[in-house]
PDB file of N, CA and C in Angstrom:
ATOM      1  N   MET A   1     -14.354   7.485  -7.730  1.00  0.00           N
ATOM      2  CA  MET A   1     -14.777   6.748  -6.549  1.00  0.00           C
ATOM      3  C   MET A   1     -14.190   5.524  -7.140  1.00  0.00           C
ATOM      4  N   GLY A   2     -13.422   4.688  -6.069  1.00  0.00           N
ATOM      5  CA  GLY A   2     -12.834   3.283  -6.512  1.00  0.00           C
ATOM      6  C   GLY A   2     -13.265   2.123  -5.638  1.00  0.00           C
ATOM      7  N   ARG A   3     -13.535   1.137  -6.085  1.00  0.00           N
ATOM      8  CA  ARG A   3     -13.774   0.040  -5.206  1.00  0.00           C
ATOM      9  C   ARG A   3     -12.715  -1.308  -5.139  1.00  0.00           C
ATOM     10  N   ASP A   4     -12.261  -1.394  -4.326  1.00  0.00           N
ATOM     11  CA  ASP A   4     -10.970  -2.346  -4.547  1.00  0.00           C
ATOM     12  C   ASP A   4     -11.495  -3.696  -3.597  1.00  0.00           C
ATOM     13  N   PRO A   5     -10.987  -4.861  -4.413  1.00  0.00           N
ATOM     14  CA  PRO A   5     -11.323  -6.080  -3.166  1.00  0.00           C
ATOM     15  C   PRO A   5     -10.268  -6.085  -2.375  1.00  0.00           C
ATOM     16  N   ARG A   6     -10.427  -6.787  -1.138  1.00  0.00           N
ATOM     17  CA  ARG A   6      -9.647  -7.536  -0.136  1.00  0.00           C
ATOM     18  C   ARG A   6      -8.179  -7.969  -0.935  1.00  0.00           C
ATOM     19  N   GLY A   7      -7.140  -7.275  -0.253  1.00  0.00           N
ATOM     20  CA  GLY A   7      -5.754  -7.835  -0.549  1.00  0.00           C
ATOM     21  C   GLY A   7      -5.417  -7.104  -1.980  1.00  0.00           C
ATOM     22  N   ASP A   8      -6.066  -6.097  -2.881  1.00  0.00           N
ATOM     23  CA  ASP A   8      -5.871  -5.387  -3.925  1.00  0.00           C
ATOM     24  C   ASP A   8      -4.804  -4.341  -3.273  1.00  0.00           C
ATOM     25  N   GLU A   9      -3.600  -4.255  -4.227  1.00  0.00           N
ATOM     26  CA  GLU A   9      -2.508  -3.240  -3.989  1.00  0.00           C
ATOM     27  C   GLU A   9      -2.119  -2.663  -5.199  1.00  0.00           C
ATOM     28  N   ARG A  10      -1.349  -1.546  -5.031  1.00  0.00           N
ATOM     29  CA  ARG A  10      -0.496  -0.934  -6.213  1.00  0.00           C
ATOM     30  C   ARG A  10       0.773  -1.801  -6.223  1.00  0.00           C
ATOM     31  N   ALA A  11       0.891  -2.143  -7.330  1.00  0.00           N
ATOM     32  CA  ALA A  11       2.405  -3.473  -7.368  1.00  0.00           C
ATOM     33  C   ALA A  11       3.480  -2.498  -7.253  1.00  0.00           C
ATOM     34  N   ARG A  12       3.469  -1.469  -7.503  1.00  0.00           N
ATOM     35  CA  ARG A  12       4.614  -0.361  -7.496  1.00  0.00           C
ATOM     36  C   ARG A  12       4.437   0.902  -7.051  1.00  0.00           C
ATOM     37  N   ARG A  13       5.182   1.312  -6.279  1.00  0.00           N
ATOM     38  CA  ARG A  13       4.900   2.795  -5.831  1.00  0.00           C
ATOM     39  C   ARG A  13       4.894   3.783  -6.923  1.00  0.00           C
ATOM     40  N   VAL A  14       4.209   4.881  -6.723  1.00  0.00           N
ATOM     41  CA  VAL A  14       3.720   5.845  -7.672  1.00  0.00           C
ATOM     42  C   VAL A  14       4.628   7.118  -7.434  1.00  0.00           C
ATOM     43  N   THR A  15       5.343   7.428  -8.836  1.00  0.00           N
ATOM     44  CA  THR A  15       6.550   8.502  -8.378  1.00  0.00           C
ATOM     45  C   THR A  15       6.260   9.499  -9.433  1.00  0.00           C
ATOM     46  N   GLY A  16       6.611  10.689  -8.953  1.00  0.00           N
ATOM     47  CA  GLY A  16       6.892  11.891  -9.775  1.00  0.00           C
ATOM     48  C   GLY A  16       5.556  12.355 -10.056  1.00  0.00           C
ATOM     49  N   GLU A  17       4.371  12.194  -9.439  1.00  0.00           N
ATOM     50  CA  GLU A  17       3.311  12.780  -9.606  1.00  0.00           C
ATOM     51  C   GLU A  17       3.383  14.123  -9.665  1.00  0.00           C
ATOM     52  N   GLU A  18       2.517  14.906 -10.179  1.00  0.00           N
ATOM     53  CA  GLU A  18       2.278  16.515  -9.991  1.00  0.00           C
ATOM     54  C   GLU A  18       1.072  16.951  -9.564  1.00  0.00           C
ATOM     55  N   HIS A  19       0.876  16.290  -8.533  1.00  0.00           N
ATOM     56  CA  HIS A  19      -0.555  16.511  -8.112  1.00  0.00           C
ATOM     57  C   HIS A  19      -0.546  16.433  -6.574  1.00  0.00           C
ATOM     58  N   THR A  20      -1.474  17.150  -5.590  1.00  0.00           N
ATOM     59  CA  THR A  20      -1.922  17.285  -4.419  1.00  0.00           C
ATOM     60  C   THR A  20      -3.000  16.056  -4.483  1.00  0.00           C
ATOM     61  N   ALA A  21      -2.979  15.143  -3.495  1.00  0.00           N
ATOM     62  CA  ALA A  21      -4.299  14.166  -3.604  1.00  0.00           C
ATOM     63  C   ALA A  21      -4.768  14.077  -1.944  1.00  0.00           C
ATOM     64  N   LEU A  22      -6.044  13.823  -1.927  1.00  0.00           N
ATOM     65  CA  LEU A  22      -7.047  13.708  -0.983  1.00  0.00           C
ATOM     66  C   LEU A  22      -7.551  12.219  -0.956  1.00  0.00           C
ATOM     67  N   LEU A  23      -7.316  11.321  -0.119  1.00  0.00           N
ATOM     68  CA  LEU A  23      -8.014  10.082  -0.431  1.00  0.00           C
ATOM     69  C   LEU A  23      -9.051   9.663   0.878  1.00  0.00           C
ATOM     70  N   VAL A  24     -10.474   9.617   0.615  1.00  0.00           N
ATOM     71  CA  VAL A  24     -11.409   9.385   1.861  1.00  0.00           C
ATOM     72  C   VAL A  24     -11.922   8.090   1.698  1.00  0.00           C
ATOM     73  N   LEU A  25     -11.826   7.436   2.923  1.00  0.00           N
ATOM     74  CA  LEU A  25     -12.520   6.138   3.001  1.00  0.00           C
ATOM     75  C   LEU A  25     -14.047   6.224   2.978  1.00  0.00           C
ATOM     76  N   VAL A  26     -14.509   5.489   2.283  1.00  0.00           N
ATOM     77  CA  VAL A  26     -16.349   5.322   2.424  1.00  0.00           C
ATOM     78  C   VAL A  26     -16.473   4.117   3.049  1.00  0.00           C
ATOM     79  N   SER A  27     -16.175   3.178   2.893  1.00  0.00           N
ATOM     80  CA  SER A  27     -16.129   2.197   3.747  1.00  0.00           C
ATOM     81  C   SER A  27     -14.855   0.916   3.800  1.00  0.00           C
ATOM     82  N   SER A  28     -15.000   0.454   4.829  1.00  0.00           N
ATOM     83  CA  SER A  28     -14.020  -0.611   5.168  1.00  0.00           C
ATOM     84  C   SER A  28     -12.700  -0.384   5.683  1.00  0.00           C
ATOM     85  N   ARG A  29     -11.538  -0.812   5.395  1.00  0.00           N
ATOM     86  CA  ARG A  29     -10.132  -0.666   5.734  1.00  0.00           C
ATOM     87  C   ARG A  29      -9.299  -0.781   4.813  1.00  0.00           C
ATOM     88  N   PHE A  30      -8.451   0.602   4.551  1.00  0.00           N
ATOM     89  CA  PHE A  30      -7.456   0.740   3.584  1.00  0.00           C
ATOM     90  C   PHE A  30      -6.142   1.523   4.063  1.00  0.00           C
ATOM     91  N   ARG A  31      -5.350   1.027   3.773  1.00  0.00           N
ATOM     92  CA  ARG A  31      -3.922   1.565   3.841  1.00  0.00           C
ATOM     93  C   ARG A  31      -2.947   2.435   2.804  1.00  0.00           C
ATOM     94  N   VAL A  32      -2.437   3.592   3.102  1.00  0.00           N
ATOM     95  CA  VAL A  32      -1.725   4.275   2.118  1.00  0.00           C
ATOM     96  C   VAL A  32      -0.360   4.307   2.665  1.00  0.00           C
ATOM     97  N   ASP A  33       0.674   4.035   1.673  1.00  0.00           N
ATOM     98  CA  ASP A  33       2.218   4.037   2.145  1.00  0.00           C
ATOM     99  C   ASP A  33       2.893   5.177   1.802  1.00  0.00           C
ATOM    100  N   LEU A  34       3.248   5.741   2.423  1.00  0.00           N
ATOM    101  CA  LEU A  34       3.845   7.258   2.230  1.00  0.00           C
ATOM    102  C   LEU A  34       5.223   7.067   2.548  1.00  0.00           C
ATOM    103  N   PRO A  35       6.419   7.718   1.990  1.00  0.00           N
ATOM    104  CA  PRO A  35       7.553   7.521   2.207  1.00  0.00           C
ATOM    105  C   PRO A  35       7.982   7.560   3.701  1.00  0.00           C
ATOM    106  N   ASP A  36       7.539   8.367   4.278  1.00  0.00           N
ATOM    107  CA  ASP A  36       7.708   8.264   5.746  1.00  0.00           C
ATOM    108  C   ASP A  36       7.046   7.788   6.819  1.00  0.00           C
ATOM    109  N   ARG A  37       5.603   7.308   6.351  1.00  0.00           N
ATOM    110  CA  ARG A  37       4.629   6.495   7.286  1.00  0.00           C
ATOM    111  C   ARG A  37       3.578   5.832   6.659  1.00  0.00           C
ATOM    112  N   SER A  38       2.942   4.792   7.245  1.00  0.00           N
ATOM    113  CA  SER A  38       1.824   4.168   6.382  1.00  0.00           C
ATOM    114  C   SER A  38       0.550   5.032   7.124  1.00  0.00           C
ATOM    115  N   VAL A  39      -0.415   5.118   6.653  1.00  0.00           N
ATOM    116  CA  VAL A  39      -1.803   5.560   7.219  1.00  0.00           C
ATOM    117  C   VAL A  39      -2.898   4.391   6.866  1.00  0.00           C
ATOM    118  N   THR A  40      -3.632   4.165   7.838  1.00  0.00           N
ATOM    119  CA  THR A  40      -4.440   3.105   7.991  1.00  0.00           C
ATOM    120  C   THR A  40      -5.760   3.821   8.081  1.00  0.00           C
ATOM    121  N   LEU A  41      -6.830   3.731   7.406  1.00  0.00           N
ATOM    122  CA  LEU A  41      -8.133   4.334   7.271  1.00  0.00           C
ATOM    123  C   LEU A  41      -8.889   3.225   7.825  1.00  0.00           C
ATOM    124  N   ALA A  42      -9.769   3.490   8.990  1.00  0.00           N
ATOM    125  CA  ALA A  42     -10.213   2.228   9.332  1.00  0.00           C
ATOM    126  C   ALA A  42     -11.736   2.623   9.539  1.00  0.00           C
ATOM    127  N   GLU A  43     -12.170   3.714   9.722  1.00  0.00           N
ATOM    128  CA  GLU A  43     -13.564   4.611  10.104  1.00  0.00           C
ATOM    129  C   GLU A  43     -14.079   5.433   8.604  1.00  0.00           C
ATOM    130  N   GLN A  44     -15.135   5.163   8.457  1.00  0.00           N
ATOM    131  CA  GLN A  44     -15.704   5.781   7.425  1.00  0.00           C
ATOM    132  C   GLN A  44     -15.452   7.487   7.650  1.00  0.00           C
ATOM    133  N   GLY A  45     -14.914   7.920   6.494  1.00  0.00           N
ATOM    134  CA  GLY A  45     -14.557   9.616   6.835  1.00  0.00           C
ATOM    135  C   GLY A  45     -13.323   9.595   7.090  1.00  0.00           C
ATOM    136  N   ASP A  46     -12.471   8.773   7.496  1.00  0.00           N
ATOM    137  CA  ASP A  46     -11.300   8.771   7.829  1.00  0.00           C
ATOM    138  C   ASP A  46     -10.529   9.217   6.259  1.00  0.00           C
ATOM    139  N   TYR A  47      -9.353  10.269   6.338  1.00  0.00           N
ATOM    140  CA  TYR A  47      -9.017  10.356   5.259  1.00  0.00           C
ATOM    141  C   TYR A  47      -7.160  10.611   5.338  1.00  0.00           C
ATOM    142  N   VAL A  48      -6.629  11.040   4.202  1.00  0.00           N
ATOM    143  CA  VAL A  48      -4.984  11.190   4.162  1.00  0.00           C
ATOM    144  C   VAL A  48      -4.633  12.249   2.889  1.00  0.00           C
ATOM    145  N   VAL A  49      -4.117  13.217   2.900  1.00  0.00           N
ATOM    146  CA  VAL A  49      -3.701  14.074   2.207  1.00  0.00           C
ATOM    147  C   VAL A  49      -2.205  14.036   1.901  1.00  0.00           C
ATOM    148  N   TRP A  50      -1.549  14.029   0.471  1.00  0.00           N
ATOM    149  CA  TRP A  50      -0.276  14.294   0.454  1.00  0.00           C
ATOM    150  C   TRP A  50      -0.081  15.109  -0.490  1.00  0.00           C
ATOM    151  N   GLY A  51       1.020  15.611  -0.681  1.00  0.00           N
ATOM    152  CA  GLY A  51       1.582  16.820  -1.692  1.00  0.00           C
ATOM    153  C   GLY A  51       2.172  16.295  -2.837  1.00  0.00           C
ATOM    154  N   ASN A  52       2.276  17.326  -3.430  1.00  0.00           N
ATOM    155  CA  ASN A  52       2.885  17.274  -4.862  1.00  0.00           C
ATOM    156  C   ASN A  52       4.295  16.403  -4.855  1.00  0.00           C
ATOM    157  N   GLY A  53       4.372  15.344  -5.851  1.00  0.00           N
ATOM    158  CA  GLY A  53       5.828  14.942  -5.931  1.00  0.00           C
ATOM    159  C   GLY A  53       6.170  13.866  -4.589  1.00  0.00           C
ATOM    160  N   VAL A  54       4.989  13.544  -4.001  1.00  0.00           N
ATOM    161  CA  VAL A  54       5.212  12.419  -2.679  1.00  0.00           C
ATOM    162  C   VAL A  54       4.687  11.362  -3.479  1.00  0.00           C
ATOM    163  N   ASP A  55       5.651   9.983  -3.246  1.00  0.00           N
ATOM    164  CA  ASP A  55       5.677   8.941  -3.881  1.00  0.00           C
ATOM    165  C   ASP A  55       4.713   7.981  -2.751  1.00  0.00           C
ATOM    166  N   HIS A  56       3.841   7.198  -3.508  1.00  0.00           N
ATOM    167  CA  HIS A  56       2.890   6.272  -2.457  1.00  0.00           C
ATOM    168  C   HIS A  56       2.523   4.943  -3.257  1.00  0.00           C
ATOM    169  N   SER A  57       1.710   4.352  -2.419  1.00  0.00           N
ATOM    170  CA  SER A  57       1.338   2.934  -2.658  1.00  0.00           C
ATOM    171  C   SER A  57       0.125   2.558  -1.769  1.00  0.00           C
ATOM    172  N   TRP A  58      -0.550   1.627  -1.830  1.00  0.00           N
ATOM    173  CA  TRP A  58      -1.603   1.529  -1.283  1.00  0.00           C
ATOM    174  C   TRP A  58      -2.131   0.016  -1.003  1.00  0.00           C
ATOM    175  N   HIS A  59      -2.853  -0.263  -0.393  1.00  0.00           N
ATOM    176  CA  HIS A  59      -3.111  -1.951   0.112  1.00  0.00           C
ATOM    177  C   HIS A  59      -4.545  -1.717   0.573  1.00  0.00           C
ATOM    178  N   ALA A  60      -5.771  -2.529  -0.163  1.00  0.00           N
ATOM    179  CA  ALA A  60      -7.038  -2.609   0.592  1.00  0.00           C
ATOM    180  C   ALA A  60      -6.768  -3.800   1.533  1.00  0.00           C
ATOM    181  N   GLU A  61      -6.965  -3.502   2.874  1.00  0.00           N
ATOM    182  CA  GLU A  61      -6.925  -4.344   3.819  1.00  0.00           C
ATOM    183  C   GLU A  61      -7.979  -5.456   3.821  1.00  0.00           C
ATOM    184  N   GLU A  62      -9.622  -4.695   3.495  1.00  0.00           N
ATOM    185  CA  GLU A  62     -10.587  -5.263   3.466  1.00  0.00           C
ATOM    186  C   GLU A  62     -11.213  -4.771   2.110  1.00  0.00           C
ATOM    187  N   GLU A  63     -12.205  -5.284   1.745  1.00  0.00           N
ATOM    188  CA  GLU A  63     -13.018  -4.950   0.367  1.00  0.00           C
ATOM    189  C   GLU A  63     -13.155  -3.409   0.587  1.00  0.00           C
ATOM    190  N   SER A  64     -12.674  -2.350   0.091  1.00  0.00           N
ATOM    191  CA  SER A  64     -12.786  -1.082   0.573  1.00  0.00           C
ATOM    192  C   SER A  64     -13.454  -0.233  -0.599  1.00  0.00           C
ATOM    193  N   VAL A  65     -13.901   0.863  -0.234  1.00  0.00           N
ATOM    194  CA  VAL A  65     -14.413   1.836  -1.335  1.00  0.00           C
ATOM    195  C   VAL A  65     -13.812   3.176  -0.770  1.00  0.00           C
ATOM    196  N   VAL A  66     -13.012   3.700  -1.680  1.00  0.00           N
ATOM    197  CA  VAL A  66     -12.415   5.068  -1.625  1.00  0.00           C
ATOM    198  C   VAL A  66     -12.819   6.158  -2.353  1.00  0.00           C
ATOM    199  N   LEU A  67     -12.702   7.291  -2.052  1.00  0.00           N
ATOM    200  CA  LEU A  67     -12.712   8.284  -2.996  1.00  0.00           C
ATOM    201  C   LEU A  67     -11.464   9.455  -2.801  1.00  0.00           C
ATOM    202  N   THR A  68     -10.973   9.342  -4.196  1.00  0.00           N
ATOM    203  CA  THR A  68      -9.646  10.077  -4.366  1.00  0.00           C
ATOM    204  C   THR A  68      -9.979  11.382  -5.130  1.00  0.00           C
ATOM    205  N   VAL A  69      -9.437  12.630  -4.721  1.00  0.00           N
ATOM    206  CA  VAL A  69      -9.531  13.864  -5.458  1.00  0.00           C
ATOM    207  C   VAL A  69      -7.873  14.013  -5.351  1.00  0.00           C
ATOM    208  N   ARG A  70      -7.522  14.369  -6.772  1.00  0.00           N
ATOM    209  CA  ARG A  70      -6.257  15.169  -7.103  1.00  0.00           C
ATOM    210  C   ARG A  70      -6.285  16.493  -7.762  1.00  0.00           C
ATOM    211  N   TRP A  71      -5.502  17.529  -7.565  1.00  0.00           N
ATOM    212  CA  TRP A  71      -5.776  18.636  -8.060  1.00  0.00           C
ATOM    213  C   TRP A  71      -4.242  19.205  -8.385  1.00  0.00           C
ATOM    214  N   PRO A  72      -3.905  19.851  -9.220  1.00  0.00           N
ATOM    215  CA  PRO A  72      -4.923  20.056 -10.460  1.00  0.00           C
ATOM    216  C   PRO A  72      -5.423  18.879 -10.941  1.00  0.00           C
ATOM    217  N   SER A  73      -6.559  18.788 -11.503  1.00  0.00           N
ATOM    218  CA  SER A  73      -7.297  17.840 -12.237  1.00  0.00           C
ATOM    219  C   SER A  73      -6.793  17.576 -13.601  1.00  0.00           C
ATOM    220  N   VAL A  74      -6.558  16.241 -14.215  1.00  0.00           N
ATOM    221  CA  VAL A  74      -6.027  16.170 -15.623  1.00  0.00           C
ATOM    222  C   VAL A  74      -7.010  15.234 -16.334  1.00  0.00           C
ATOM    223  N   PRO A  75      -7.969  15.696 -17.454  1.00  0.00           N
ATOM    224  CA  PRO A  75      -8.796  14.780 -18.127  1.00  0.00           C
ATOM    225  C   PRO A  75      -8.183  13.476 -18.356  1.00  0.00           C
ATOM    226  N   GLY A  76      -8.878  12.324 -17.977  1.00  0.00           N
ATOM    227  CA  GLY A  76      -8.266  11.077 -18.287  1.00  0.00           C
ATOM    228  C   GLY A  76      -7.322  10.762 -17.839  1.00  0.00           C
ATOM    229  N   TYR A  77      -6.818  11.151 -16.403  1.00  0.00           N
ATOM    230  CA  TYR A  77      -5.605  10.527 -15.623  1.00  0.00           C
ATOM    231  C   TYR A  77      -5.776   9.320 -15.015  1.00  0.00           C
ATOM    232  N   ARG A  78      -4.785   8.506 -15.400  1.00  0.00           N
ATOM    233  CA  ARG A  78      -4.540   7.103 -15.226  1.00  0.00           C
ATOM    234  C   ARG A  78      -3.318   6.672 -14.751  1.00  0.00           C
ATOM    235  N   VAL A  79      -3.008   6.269 -13.659  1.00  0.00           N
ATOM    236  CA  VAL A  79      -1.648   5.464 -13.275  1.00  0.00           C
ATOM    237  C   VAL A  79      -1.586   4.219 -13.765  1.00  0.00           C
ATOM    238  N   GLU A  80      -0.780   3.395 -14.590  1.00  0.00           N
ATOM    239  CA  GLU A  80      -0.725   2.010 -14.705  1.00  0.00           C
ATOM    240  C   GLU A  80       0.107   1.465 -13.717  1.00  0.00           C
ATOM    241  N   GLY A  81      -0.241   0.339 -13.359  1.00  0.00           N
ATOM    242  CA  GLY A  81       0.464  -0.780 -12.577  1.00  0.00           C
ATOM    243  C   GLY A  81      -0.428  -1.223 -11.489  1.00  0.00           C
TER     244      GLY A  81
END
């Protein structure tokens, strides 16, 4: 689970990931930018799923709490940037 202050964003797109991901909004407002669209999560429980190899970035439009699940899981997984 991640807590992101208002205006927090991924400085550059995540590329080449070998995971499928599910991101669920716990609170506030959060945007995920995918190659073909941007998805704004605005209601608690809103979610977005993207597949293996899909580049993405994100932006916390308000102070947000999100839950991200990636599979397959990788112990210690972290993307810098």
